[in-house]
Amino acid sequence: MRKFNLCIFLFCLWSGLASAQTEPVQLSDSAIVSLLTCTPANEVYSLYGHTAIRIYDPAIRFDVVFNYGMFDFSAPNFIYRFARGET
């Protein structure tokens, strides 16, 4: 569980840094796109794990993770809306 929480924290941190980027980036031919996946956990929202996309380009020193699938756990009827795919 701690590894999952650490993954989520790092994804959020990296996502925040990525959103600070204001100018478009021209990637080089050495750019690598990766899919990062955390293993499933016991909470309803993490039964299937969590995934983010990483874009790494050593030629221009660009390394960003794009996190998606964030939601507000305290929102009304969260579990019901999550089960319906509305979060």
PDB file of N, CA and C in Angstrom:
ATOM      1  N   MET A   1       0.826  -1.199   0.000  1.00  0.00           N
ATOM      2  CA  MET A   1       0.000   0.000   0.000  1.00  0.00           C
ATOM      3  C   MET A   1       0.869   1.261   0.000  1.00  0.00           C
ATOM      4  N   ARG A   2       1.964   1.214   0.730  1.00  0.00           N
ATOM      5  CA  ARG A   2       2.837   2.390   0.775  1.00  0.00           C
ATOM      6  C   ARG A   2       3.462   2.680  -0.586  1.00  0.00           C
ATOM      7  N   LYS A   3       3.790   1.612  -1.327  1.00  0.00           N
ATOM      8  CA  LYS A   3       4.346   1.817  -2.664  1.00  0.00           C
ATOM      9  C   LYS A   3       3.320   2.484  -3.570  1.00  0.00           C
ATOM     10  N   PHE A   4       2.070   2.069  -3.455  1.00  0.00           N
ATOM     11  CA  PHE A   4       1.008   2.671  -4.274  1.00  0.00           C
ATOM     12  C   PHE A   4       0.864   4.148  -3.939  1.00  0.00           C
ATOM     13  N   ASN A   5       0.818   4.477  -2.647  1.00  0.00           N
ATOM     14  CA  ASN A   5       0.695   5.875  -2.244  1.00  0.00           C
ATOM     15  C   ASN A   5       1.893   6.692  -2.721  1.00  0.00           C
ATOM     16  N   LEU A   6       3.078   6.104  -2.673  1.00  0.00           N
ATOM     17  CA  LEU A   6       4.269   6.795  -3.151  1.00  0.00           C
ATOM     18  C   LEU A   6       4.169   7.051  -4.653  1.00  0.00           C
ATOM     19  N   CYS A   7       3.687   6.057  -5.403  1.00  0.00           N
ATOM     20  CA  CYS A   7       3.505   6.236  -6.853  1.00  0.00           C
ATOM     21  C   CYS A   7       2.531   7.375  -7.136  1.00  0.00           C
ATOM     22  N   ILE A   8       1.418   7.392  -6.433  1.00  0.00           N
ATOM     23  CA  ILE A   8       0.424   8.450  -6.643  1.00  0.00           C
ATOM     24  C   ILE A   8       1.032   9.810  -6.316  1.00  0.00           C
ATOM     25  N   PHE A   9       1.759   9.899  -5.211  1.00  0.00           N
ATOM     26  CA  PHE A   9       2.395  11.158  -4.832  1.00  0.00           C
ATOM     27  C   PHE A   9       3.365  11.626  -5.913  1.00  0.00           C
ATOM     28  N   LEU A  10       4.203  10.719  -6.411  1.00  0.00           N
ATOM     29  CA  LEU A  10       5.173  11.092  -7.436  1.00  0.00           C
ATOM     30  C   LEU A  10       4.486  11.497  -8.734  1.00  0.00           C
ATOM     31  N   PHE A  11       3.427  10.788  -9.100  1.00  0.00           N
ATOM     32  CA  PHE A  11       2.678  11.168 -10.311  1.00  0.00           C
ATOM     33  C   PHE A  11       2.103  12.568 -10.169  1.00  0.00           C
ATOM     34  N   CYS A  12       1.542  12.864  -9.006  1.00  0.00           N
ATOM     35  CA  CYS A  12       0.971  14.200  -8.786  1.00  0.00           C
ATOM     36  C   CYS A  12       2.054  15.269  -8.835  1.00  0.00           C
ATOM     37  N   LEU A  13       3.180  14.988  -8.208  1.00  0.00           N
ATOM     38  CA  LEU A  13       4.291  15.931  -8.213  1.00  0.00           C
ATOM     39  C   LEU A  13       4.777  16.188  -9.635  1.00  0.00           C
ATOM     40  N   TRP A  14       5.018  15.116 -10.383  1.00  0.00           N
ATOM     41  CA  TRP A  14       5.494  15.266 -11.750  1.00  0.00           C
ATOM     42  C   TRP A  14       4.451  15.941 -12.624  1.00  0.00           C
ATOM     43  N   SER A  15       3.187  15.641 -12.396  1.00  0.00           N
ATOM     44  CA  SER A  15       2.130  16.277 -13.190  1.00  0.00           C
ATOM     45  C   SER A  15       2.092  17.770 -12.936  1.00  0.00           C
ATOM     46  N   GLY A  16       2.282  18.161 -11.682  1.00  0.00           N
ATOM     47  CA  GLY A  16       2.308  19.579 -11.344  1.00  0.00           C
ATOM     48  C   GLY A  16       3.464  20.285 -12.022  1.00  0.00           C
ATOM     49  N   LEU A  17       4.608  19.633 -12.075  1.00  0.00           N
ATOM     50  CA  LEU A  17       5.756  20.231 -12.750  1.00  0.00           C
ATOM     51  C   LEU A  17       5.510  20.327 -14.244  1.00  0.00           C
ATOM     52  N   ALA A  18       4.844  19.339 -14.809  1.00  0.00           N
ATOM     53  CA  ALA A  18       4.565  19.351 -16.243  1.00  0.00           C
ATOM     54  C   ALA A  18       3.615  20.485 -16.603  1.00  0.00           C
ATOM     55  N   SER A  19       2.667  20.774 -15.723  1.00  0.00           N
ATOM     56  CA  SER A  19       1.710  21.831 -16.026  1.00  0.00           C
ATOM     57  C   SER A  19       2.356  23.210 -15.981  1.00  0.00           C
ATOM     58  N   ALA A  20       3.540  23.323 -15.366  1.00  0.00           N
ATOM     59  CA  ALA A  20       4.247  24.598 -15.314  1.00  0.00           C
ATOM     60  C   ALA A  20       4.915  24.917 -16.658  1.00  0.00           C
ATOM     61  N   GLN A  21       5.029  23.919 -17.529  1.00  0.00           N
ATOM     62  CA  GLN A  21       5.624  24.106 -18.852  1.00  0.00           C
ATOM     63  C   GLN A  21       4.680  24.946 -19.698  1.00  0.00           C
ATOM     64  N   THR A  22       5.170  26.085 -20.220  1.00  0.00           N
ATOM     65  CA  THR A  22       4.285  26.979 -20.962  1.00  0.00           C
ATOM     66  C   THR A  22       4.555  26.998 -22.462  1.00  0.00           C
ATOM     67  N   GLU A  23       5.744  26.634 -22.882  1.00  0.00           N
ATOM     68  CA  GLU A  23       6.072  26.662 -24.301  1.00  0.00           C
ATOM     69  C   GLU A  23       6.028  25.251 -24.876  1.00  0.00           C
ATOM     70  N   PRO A  24       5.583  25.112 -26.125  1.00  0.00           N
ATOM     71  CA  PRO A  24       5.597  23.781 -26.755  1.00  0.00           C
ATOM     72  C   PRO A  24       7.023  23.247 -26.845  1.00  0.00           C
ATOM     73  N   VAL A  25       7.161  21.951 -26.732  1.00  0.00           N
ATOM     74  CA  VAL A  25       8.473  21.316 -26.774  1.00  0.00           C
ATOM     75  C   VAL A  25       8.588  20.518 -28.067  1.00  0.00           C
ATOM     76  N   GLN A  26       9.683  20.693 -28.770  1.00  0.00           N
ATOM     77  CA  GLN A  26       9.952  19.912 -29.986  1.00  0.00           C
ATOM     78  C   GLN A  26      10.823  18.734 -29.571  1.00  0.00           C
ATOM     79  N   LEU A  27      10.261  17.522 -29.618  1.00  0.00           N
ATOM     80  CA  LEU A  27      11.007  16.332 -29.220  1.00  0.00           C
ATOM     81  C   LEU A  27      11.975  15.919 -30.317  1.00  0.00           C
ATOM     82  N   SER A  28      13.072  15.302 -29.901  1.00  0.00           N
ATOM     83  CA  SER A  28      14.058  14.806 -30.856  1.00  0.00           C
ATOM     84  C   SER A  28      13.712  13.368 -31.249  1.00  0.00           C
ATOM     85  N   ASP A  29      14.503  12.799 -32.136  1.00  0.00           N
ATOM     86  CA  ASP A  29      14.297  11.411 -32.564  1.00  0.00           C
ATOM     87  C   ASP A  29      14.627  10.405 -31.462  1.00  0.00           C
ATOM     88  N   SER A  30      15.294  10.845 -30.402  1.00  0.00           N
ATOM     89  CA  SER A  30      15.648   9.927 -29.314  1.00  0.00           C
ATOM     90  C   SER A  30      14.618   9.924 -28.189  1.00  0.00           C
ATOM     91  N   ALA A  31      13.492  10.591 -28.378  1.00  0.00           N
ATOM     92  CA  ALA A  31      12.445  10.626 -27.354  1.00  0.00           C
ATOM     93  C   ALA A  31      11.847   9.234 -27.138  1.00  0.00           C
ATOM     94  N   ILE A  32      11.510   8.946 -25.892  1.00  0.00           N
ATOM     95  CA  ILE A  32      10.914   7.661 -25.519  1.00  0.00           C
ATOM     96  C   ILE A  32       9.618   7.938 -24.774  1.00  0.00           C
ATOM     97  N   VAL A  33       8.545   7.249 -25.157  1.00  0.00           N
ATOM     98  CA  VAL A  33       7.257   7.358 -24.471  1.00  0.00           C
ATOM     99  C   VAL A  33       7.029   6.053 -23.728  1.00  0.00           C
ATOM    100  N   SER A  34       6.734   6.152 -22.421  1.00  0.00           N
ATOM    101  CA  SER A  34       6.541   4.969 -21.586  1.00  0.00           C
ATOM    102  C   SER A  34       5.193   5.020 -20.888  1.00  0.00           C
ATOM    103  N   LEU A  35       4.678   3.862 -20.565  1.00  0.00           N
ATOM    104  CA  LEU A  35       3.457   3.735 -19.790  1.00  0.00           C
ATOM    105  C   LEU A  35       3.855   3.248 -18.407  1.00  0.00           C
ATOM    106  N   LEU A  36       3.584   4.052 -17.375  1.00  0.00           N
ATOM    107  CA  LEU A  36       3.914   3.696 -15.999  1.00  0.00           C
ATOM    108  C   LEU A  36       2.657   3.181 -15.316  1.00  0.00           C
ATOM    109  N   THR A  37       2.754   2.038 -14.667  1.00  0.00           N
ATOM    110  CA  THR A  37       1.582   1.440 -14.046  1.00  0.00           C
ATOM    111  C   THR A  37       1.892   1.041 -12.616  1.00  0.00           C
ATOM    112  N   CYS A  38       1.010   1.418 -11.694  1.00  0.00           N
ATOM    113  CA  CYS A  38       1.094   0.977 -10.300  1.00  0.00           C
ATOM    114  C   CYS A  38       0.181  -0.230 -10.132  1.00  0.00           C
ATOM    115  N   THR A  39       0.562  -1.115  -9.277  1.00  0.00           N
ATOM    116  CA  THR A  39      -0.231  -2.317  -9.062  1.00  0.00           C
ATOM    117  C   THR A  39      -1.536  -1.988  -8.349  1.00  0.00           C
ATOM    118  N   PRO A  40      -2.527  -2.848  -8.501  1.00  0.00           N
ATOM    119  CA  PRO A  40      -3.807  -2.635  -7.829  1.00  0.00           C
ATOM    120  C   PRO A  40      -3.661  -2.653  -6.307  1.00  0.00           C
ATOM    121  N   ALA A  41      -4.615  -2.013  -5.639  1.00  0.00           N
ATOM    122  CA  ALA A  41      -4.660  -1.996  -4.175  1.00  0.00           C
ATOM    123  C   ALA A  41      -6.087  -2.339  -3.740  1.00  0.00           C
ATOM    124  N   ASN A  42      -6.362  -2.218  -2.465  1.00  0.00           N
ATOM    125  CA  ASN A  42      -7.646  -2.654  -1.929  1.00  0.00           C
ATOM    126  C   ASN A  42      -8.752  -1.610  -1.967  1.00  0.00           C
ATOM    127  N   GLU A  43      -8.425  -0.335  -2.135  1.00  0.00           N
ATOM    128  CA  GLU A  43      -9.448   0.695  -2.179  1.00  0.00           C
ATOM    129  C   GLU A  43     -10.241   0.582  -3.472  1.00  0.00           C
ATOM    130  N   VAL A  44     -11.491   0.997  -3.451  1.00  0.00           N
ATOM    131  CA  VAL A  44     -12.369   0.883  -4.622  1.00  0.00           C
ATOM    132  C   VAL A  44     -11.744   1.562  -5.831  1.00  0.00           C
ATOM    133  N   TYR A  45     -11.202   2.760  -5.642  1.00  0.00           N
ATOM    134  CA  TYR A  45     -10.660   3.531  -6.760  1.00  0.00           C
ATOM    135  C   TYR A  45      -9.348   2.978  -7.291  1.00  0.00           C
ATOM    136  N   SER A  46      -8.736   2.036  -6.583  1.00  0.00           N
ATOM    137  CA  SER A  46      -7.438   1.516  -7.022  1.00  0.00           C
ATOM    138  C   SER A  46      -7.469   0.012  -7.304  1.00  0.00           C
ATOM    139  N   LEU A  47      -8.639  -0.553  -7.455  1.00  0.00           N
ATOM    140  CA  LEU A  47      -8.752  -1.995  -7.694  1.00  0.00           C
ATOM    141  C   LEU A  47      -8.027  -2.427  -8.963  1.00  0.00           C
ATOM    142  N   TYR A  48      -7.932  -1.546  -9.937  1.00  0.00           N
ATOM    143  CA  TYR A  48      -7.298  -1.894 -11.206  1.00  0.00           C
ATOM    144  C   TYR A  48      -5.953  -1.206 -11.389  1.00  0.00           C
ATOM    145  N   GLY A  49      -5.421  -0.617 -10.331  1.00  0.00           N
ATOM    146  CA  GLY A  49      -4.135   0.051 -10.421  1.00  0.00           C
ATOM    147  C   GLY A  49      -4.285   1.479 -10.927  1.00  0.00           C
ATOM    148  N   HIS A  50      -3.167   2.052 -11.319  1.00  0.00           N
ATOM    149  CA  HIS A  50      -3.167   3.424 -11.813  1.00  0.00           C
ATOM    150  C   HIS A  50      -2.089   3.540 -12.885  1.00  0.00           C
ATOM    151  N   THR A  51      -2.329   4.367 -13.873  1.00  0.00           N
ATOM    152  CA  THR A  51      -1.402   4.478 -14.992  1.00  0.00           C
ATOM    153  C   THR A  51      -1.119   5.945 -15.316  1.00  0.00           C
ATOM    154  N   ALA A  52       0.097   6.203 -15.763  1.00  0.00           N
ATOM    155  CA  ALA A  52       0.490   7.531 -16.232  1.00  0.00           C
ATOM    156  C   ALA A  52       1.372   7.355 -17.465  1.00  0.00           C
ATOM    157  N   ILE A  53       1.562   8.427 -18.211  1.00  0.00           N
ATOM    158  CA  ILE A  53       2.393   8.391 -19.409  1.00  0.00           C
ATOM    159  C   ILE A  53       3.639   9.244 -19.179  1.00  0.00           C
ATOM    160  N   ARG A  54       4.804   8.674 -19.481  1.00  0.00           N
ATOM    161  CA  ARG A  54       6.070   9.393 -19.329  1.00  0.00           C
ATOM    162  C   ARG A  54       6.659   9.674 -20.703  1.00  0.00           C
ATOM    163  N   ILE A  55       7.109  10.900 -20.891  1.00  0.00           N
ATOM    164  CA  ILE A  55       7.834  11.270 -22.107  1.00  0.00           C
ATOM    165  C   ILE A  55       9.229  11.712 -21.681  1.00  0.00           C
ATOM    166  N   TYR A  56      10.218  10.989 -22.190  1.00  0.00           N
ATOM    167  CA  TYR A  56      11.612  11.234 -21.835  1.00  0.00           C
ATOM    168  C   TYR A  56      12.414  11.467 -23.113  1.00  0.00           C
ATOM    169  N   ASP A  57      13.116  12.582 -23.149  1.00  0.00           N
ATOM    170  CA  ASP A  57      13.964  12.899 -24.293  1.00  0.00           C
ATOM    171  C   ASP A  57      15.318  13.369 -23.767  1.00  0.00           C
ATOM    172  N   PRO A  58      16.306  12.473 -23.742  1.00  0.00           N
ATOM    173  CA  PRO A  58      17.617  12.845 -23.191  1.00  0.00           C
ATOM    174  C   PRO A  58      18.327  13.915 -24.007  1.00  0.00           C
ATOM    175  N   ALA A  59      18.027  14.009 -25.287  1.00  0.00           N
ATOM    176  CA  ALA A  59      18.709  14.981 -26.146  1.00  0.00           C
ATOM    177  C   ALA A  59      18.394  16.420 -25.736  1.00  0.00           C
ATOM    178  N   ILE A  60      17.177  16.663 -25.273  1.00  0.00           N
ATOM    179  CA  ILE A  60      16.808  18.028 -24.868  1.00  0.00           C
ATOM    180  C   ILE A  60      16.566  18.125 -23.356  1.00  0.00           C
ATOM    181  N   ARG A  61      16.939  17.075 -22.627  1.00  0.00           N
ATOM    182  CA  ARG A  61      16.808  17.017 -21.160  1.00  0.00           C
ATOM    183  C   ARG A  61      15.354  17.266 -20.736  1.00  0.00           C
ATOM    184  N   PHE A  62      14.447  16.534 -21.358  1.00  0.00           N
ATOM    185  CA  PHE A  62      13.015  16.644 -21.098  1.00  0.00           C
ATOM    186  C   PHE A  62      12.543  15.329 -20.503  1.00  0.00           C
ATOM    187  N   ASP A  63      11.936  15.395 -19.321  1.00  0.00           N
ATOM    188  CA  ASP A  63      11.446  14.192 -18.645  1.00  0.00           C
ATOM    189  C   ASP A  63      10.179  14.566 -17.884  1.00  0.00           C
ATOM    190  N   VAL A  64       9.018  14.189 -18.420  1.00  0.00           N
ATOM    191  CA  VAL A  64       7.740  14.602 -17.841  1.00  0.00           C
ATOM    192  C   VAL A  64       6.803  13.399 -17.751  1.00  0.00           C
ATOM    193  N   VAL A  65       6.033  13.347 -16.653  1.00  0.00           N
ATOM    194  CA  VAL A  65       5.015  12.322 -16.486  1.00  0.00           C
ATOM    195  C   VAL A  65       3.654  13.005 -16.491  1.00  0.00           C
ATOM    196  N   PHE A  66       2.753  12.508 -17.328  1.00  0.00           N
ATOM    197  CA  PHE A  66       1.392  13.030 -17.407  1.00  0.00           C
ATOM    198  C   PHE A  66       0.467  12.069 -16.680  1.00  0.00           C
ATOM    199  N   ASN A  67      -0.087  12.543 -15.596  1.00  0.00           N
ATOM    200  CA  ASN A  67      -0.982  11.750 -14.767  1.00  0.00           C
ATOM    201  C   ASN A  67      -2.416  12.057 -15.173  1.00  0.00           C
ATOM    202  N   TYR A  68      -3.251  11.081 -15.137  1.00  0.00           N
ATOM    203  CA  TYR A  68      -4.663  11.310 -15.408  1.00  0.00           C
ATOM    204  C   TYR A  68      -5.472  10.365 -14.522  1.00  0.00           C
ATOM    205  N   GLY A  69      -6.749  10.616 -14.436  1.00  0.00           N
ATOM    206  CA  GLY A  69      -7.594   9.770 -13.605  1.00  0.00           C
ATOM    207  C   GLY A  69      -7.706  10.264 -12.175  1.00  0.00           C
ATOM    208  N   MET A  70      -7.448  11.532 -11.947  1.00  0.00           N
ATOM    209  CA  MET A  70      -7.574  12.080 -10.597  1.00  0.00           C
ATOM    210  C   MET A  70      -9.027  12.468 -10.343  1.00  0.00           C
ATOM    211  N   PHE A  71      -9.450  12.358  -9.101  1.00  0.00           N
ATOM    212  CA  PHE A  71     -10.816  12.713  -8.751  1.00  0.00           C
ATOM    213  C   PHE A  71     -10.884  13.080  -7.292  1.00  0.00           C
ATOM    214  N   ASP A  72     -11.991  13.634  -6.889  1.00  0.00           N
ATOM    215  CA  ASP A  72     -12.202  14.104  -5.524  1.00  0.00           C
ATOM    216  C   ASP A  72     -12.911  13.022  -4.722  1.00  0.00           C
ATOM    217  N   PHE A  73     -12.183  12.421  -3.778  1.00  0.00           N
ATOM    218  CA  PHE A  73     -12.740  11.341  -2.962  1.00  0.00           C
ATOM    219  C   PHE A  73     -13.898  11.814  -2.083  1.00  0.00           C
ATOM    220  N   SER A  74     -13.930  13.099  -1.763  1.00  0.00           N
ATOM    221  CA  SER A  74     -14.972  13.608  -0.860  1.00  0.00           C
ATOM    222  C   SER A  74     -16.220  14.077  -1.614  1.00  0.00           C
ATOM    223  N   ALA A  75     -16.225  13.929  -2.918  1.00  0.00           N
ATOM    224  CA  ALA A  75     -17.394  14.337  -3.710  1.00  0.00           C
ATOM    225  C   ALA A  75     -18.605  13.485  -3.331  1.00  0.00           C
ATOM    226  N   PRO A  76     -19.798  14.074  -3.365  1.00  0.00           N
ATOM    227  CA  PRO A  76     -21.010  13.315  -3.027  1.00  0.00           C
ATOM    228  C   PRO A  76     -21.161  12.083  -3.929  1.00  0.00           C
ATOM    229  N   ASN A  77     -21.563  10.987  -3.336  1.00  0.00           N
ATOM    230  CA  ASN A  77     -21.820   9.727  -4.049  1.00  0.00           C
ATOM    231  C   ASN A  77     -20.612   9.257  -4.862  1.00  0.00           C
ATOM    232  N   PHE A  78     -19.419   9.422  -4.318  1.00  0.00           N
ATOM    233  CA  PHE A  78     -18.199   9.094  -5.055  1.00  0.00           C
ATOM    234  C   PHE A  78     -18.189   7.653  -5.562  1.00  0.00           C
ATOM    235  N   ILE A  79     -18.436   6.683  -4.677  1.00  0.00           N
ATOM    236  CA  ILE A  79     -18.340   5.273  -5.075  1.00  0.00           C
ATOM    237  C   ILE A  79     -19.373   4.950  -6.151  1.00  0.00           C
ATOM    238  N   TYR A  80     -20.592   5.443  -5.999  1.00  0.00           N
ATOM    239  CA  TYR A  80     -21.634   5.214  -7.000  1.00  0.00           C
ATOM    240  C   TYR A  80     -21.220   5.807  -8.349  1.00  0.00           C
ATOM    241  N   ARG A  81     -20.732   7.040  -8.328  1.00  0.00           N
ATOM    242  CA  ARG A  81     -20.320   7.704  -9.577  1.00  0.00           C
ATOM    243  C   ARG A  81     -19.085   7.026 -10.173  1.00  0.00           C
ATOM    244  N   PHE A  82     -18.180   6.555  -9.308  1.00  0.00           N
ATOM    245  CA  PHE A  82     -17.001   5.841  -9.781  1.00  0.00           C
ATOM    246  C   PHE A  82     -17.419   4.553 -10.496  1.00  0.00           C
ATOM    247  N   ALA A  83     -18.352   3.802  -9.900  1.00  0.00           N
ATOM    248  CA  ALA A  83     -18.820   2.551 -10.481  1.00  0.00           C
ATOM    249  C   ALA A  83     -19.510   2.788 -11.836  1.00  0.00           C
ATOM    250  N   ARG A  84     -20.133   3.922 -11.989  1.00  0.00           N
ATOM    251  CA  ARG A  84     -20.812   4.253 -13.258  1.00  0.00           C
ATOM    252  C   ARG A  84     -19.852   4.860 -14.280  1.00  0.00           C
ATOM    253  N   GLY A  85     -18.615   5.094 -13.878  1.00  0.00           N
ATOM    254  CA  GLY A  85     -17.623   5.663 -14.793  1.00  0.00           C
ATOM    255  C   GLY A  85     -17.757   7.157 -14.968  1.00  0.00           C
ATOM    256  N   GLU A  86     -18.315   7.843 -13.972  1.00  0.00           N
ATOM    257  CA  GLU A  86     -18.566   9.281 -14.075  1.00  0.00           C
ATOM    258  C   GLU A  86     -17.544  10.131 -13.343  1.00  0.00           C
ATOM    259  N   THR A  87     -16.489   9.565 -12.808  1.00  0.00           N
ATOM    260  CA  THR A  87     -15.530  10.371 -12.058  1.00  0.00           C
ATOM    261  C   THR A  87     -14.437  10.914 -12.950  1.00  0.00           C
TER     262      THR A  87
END
